[in-house]
């Protein structure tokens, strides 16, 4: 199958898959308070870890860059 034909097939099936995912059947299951709070805690911890990872990857290079600018400013004022 050529890549163009494969891409057309994927583009035709994607809305159907998205629609099927958005229309769930009833699970008829009970989640107790302990399991529910554990799931919420896990979700909160995972979201926090992702946010802190992104902040860490952005903040550390910015911190080093600001340090370089401060060193240049102090060396320029010391030369004058």
C-alpha atoms as a PDB file:
ATOM      1  CA  UNK A   1       0.000   0.000   0.000  1.00  0.00           C
ATOM      2  CA  UNK A   2       1.392   3.393  -0.957  1.00  0.00           C
ATOM      3  CA  UNK A   3       1.911   6.037   1.707  1.00  0.00           C
ATOM      4  CA  UNK A   4      -0.671   8.379   0.126  1.00  0.00           C
ATOM      5  CA  UNK A   5      -3.328   5.682   0.208  1.00  0.00           C
ATOM      6  CA  UNK A   6      -2.377   4.789   3.775  1.00  0.00           C
ATOM      7  CA  UNK A   7      -2.644   8.438   4.841  1.00  0.00           C
ATOM      8  CA  UNK A   8      -6.077   8.792   3.237  1.00  0.00           C
ATOM      9  CA  UNK A   9      -7.243   5.678   5.075  1.00  0.00           C
ATOM     10  CA  UNK A  10      -5.930   7.019   8.386  1.00  0.00           C
ATOM     11  CA  UNK A  11      -7.630  10.375   7.819  1.00  0.00           C
ATOM     12  CA  UNK A  12     -10.936   8.629   7.090  1.00  0.00           C
ATOM     13  CA  UNK A  13     -10.733   6.345  10.130  1.00  0.00           C
ATOM     14  CA  UNK A  14      -9.498   8.940  12.656  1.00  0.00           C
ATOM     15  CA  UNK A  15     -12.891  10.662  13.160  1.00  0.00           C
ATOM     16  CA  UNK A  16     -14.569   7.286  13.630  1.00  0.00           C
ATOM     17  CA  UNK A  17     -12.038   6.219  16.245  1.00  0.00           C
ATOM     18  CA  UNK A  18     -12.384   9.568  18.052  1.00  0.00           C
ATOM     19  CA  UNK A  19     -16.172   9.259  18.031  1.00  0.00           C
ATOM     20  CA  UNK A  20     -15.997   5.709  19.386  1.00  0.00           C
ATOM     21  CA  UNK A  21     -13.701   6.903  22.197  1.00  0.00           C
ATOM     22  CA  UNK A  22     -16.064   9.746  23.121  1.00  0.00           C
ATOM     23  CA  UNK A  23     -19.157   7.528  23.410  1.00  0.00           C
ATOM     24  CA  UNK A  24     -18.357   5.056  26.202  1.00  0.00           C
ATOM     25  CA  UNK A  25     -20.629   2.294  27.384  1.00  0.00           C
ATOM     26  CA  UNK A  26     -21.704   2.070  30.992  1.00  0.00           C
ATOM     27  CA  UNK A  27     -19.197   0.085  33.054  1.00  0.00           C
ATOM     28  CA  UNK A  28     -21.619  -0.723  35.901  1.00  0.00           C
ATOM     29  CA  UNK A  29     -18.748  -0.614  38.362  1.00  0.00           C
ATOM     30  CA  UNK A  30     -18.324   0.965  41.782  1.00  0.00           C
ATOM     31  CA  UNK A  31     -15.189   2.785  42.815  1.00  0.00           C
ATOM     32  CA  UNK A  32     -14.948   3.023  46.583  1.00  0.00           C
ATOM     33  CA  UNK A  33     -13.663   6.090  48.400  1.00  0.00           C
ATOM     34  CA  UNK A  34     -10.230   4.569  49.063  1.00  0.00           C
ATOM     35  CA  UNK A  35      -9.621   3.610  45.460  1.00  0.00           C
ATOM     36  CA  UNK A  36     -11.050   6.903  44.220  1.00  0.00           C
ATOM     37  CA  UNK A  37      -8.818   9.003  46.465  1.00  0.00           C
ATOM     38  CA  UNK A  38      -5.822   6.876  45.542  1.00  0.00           C
ATOM     39  CA  UNK A  39      -6.545   7.403  41.857  1.00  0.00           C
ATOM     40  CA  UNK A  40      -6.954  11.157  42.348  1.00  0.00           C
ATOM     41  CA  UNK A  41      -3.738  11.324  44.373  1.00  0.00           C
ATOM     42  CA  UNK A  42      -1.843   9.418  41.714  1.00  0.00           C
ATOM     43  CA  UNK A  43      -3.207  11.693  39.003  1.00  0.00           C
ATOM     44  CA  UNK A  44      -2.243  14.798  40.990  1.00  0.00           C
ATOM     45  CA  UNK A  45       1.263  13.447  41.632  1.00  0.00           C
ATOM     46  CA  UNK A  46       1.748  12.597  37.958  1.00  0.00           C
ATOM     47  CA  UNK A  47       0.537  16.029  36.841  1.00  0.00           C
ATOM     48  CA  UNK A  48       2.807  17.737  39.396  1.00  0.00           C
ATOM     49  CA  UNK A  49       5.785  15.672  38.265  1.00  0.00           C
ATOM     50  CA  UNK A  50       5.174  16.658  34.645  1.00  0.00           C
ATOM     51  CA  UNK A  51       4.862  20.350  35.512  1.00  0.00           C
ATOM     52  CA  UNK A  52       7.996  20.307  37.668  1.00  0.00           C
ATOM     53  CA  UNK A  53       9.937  18.451  34.968  1.00  0.00           C
ATOM     54  CA  UNK A  54       9.010  21.064  32.374  1.00  0.00           C
ATOM     55  CA  UNK A  55       9.830  23.905  34.777  1.00  0.00           C
ATOM     56  CA  UNK A  56      13.168  22.265  35.587  1.00  0.00           C
ATOM     57  CA  UNK A  57      14.103  21.868  31.946  1.00  0.00           C
ATOM     58  CA  UNK A  58      13.217  25.498  31.267  1.00  0.00           C
ATOM     59  CA  UNK A  59      14.450  27.113  34.491  1.00  0.00           C
ATOM     60  CA  UNK A  60      17.966  25.629  34.670  1.00  0.00           C
ATOM     61  CA  UNK A  61      19.149  26.946  31.265  1.00  0.00           C
ATOM     62  CA  UNK A  62      17.549  30.336  31.978  1.00  0.00           C
ATOM     63  CA  UNK A  63      19.294  30.467  35.358  1.00  0.00           C
ATOM     64  CA  UNK A  64      22.661  29.792  33.738  1.00  0.00           C
ATOM     65  CA  UNK A  65      21.972  32.380  31.035  1.00  0.00           C
ATOM     66  CA  UNK A  66      21.072  35.010  33.630  1.00  0.00           C
ATOM     67  CA  UNK A  67      24.246  34.156  35.519  1.00  0.00           C
ATOM     68  CA  UNK A  68      26.314  34.781  32.404  1.00  0.00           C
ATOM     69  CA  UNK A  69      24.686  38.177  31.874  1.00  0.00           C
ATOM     70  CA  UNK A  70      25.305  39.135  35.502  1.00  0.00           C
ATOM     71  CA  UNK A  71      28.964  38.138  35.264  1.00  0.00           C
ATOM     72  CA  UNK A  72      29.368  40.249  32.136  1.00  0.00           C
ATOM     73  CA  UNK A  73      27.687  43.242  33.784  1.00  0.00           C
ATOM     74  CA  UNK A  74      29.898  43.017  36.858  1.00  0.00           C
ATOM     75  CA  UNK A  75      33.061  42.651  34.734  1.00  0.00           C
ATOM     76  CA  UNK A  76      32.069  45.660  32.612  1.00  0.00           C
ATOM     77  CA  UNK A  77      31.416  47.843  35.678  1.00  0.00           C
ATOM     78  CA  UNK A  78      34.687  46.713  37.255  1.00  0.00           C
ATOM     79  CA  UNK A  79      36.648  47.754  34.155  1.00  0.00           C
ATOM     80  CA  UNK A  80      35.215  51.288  34.178  1.00  0.00           C
END
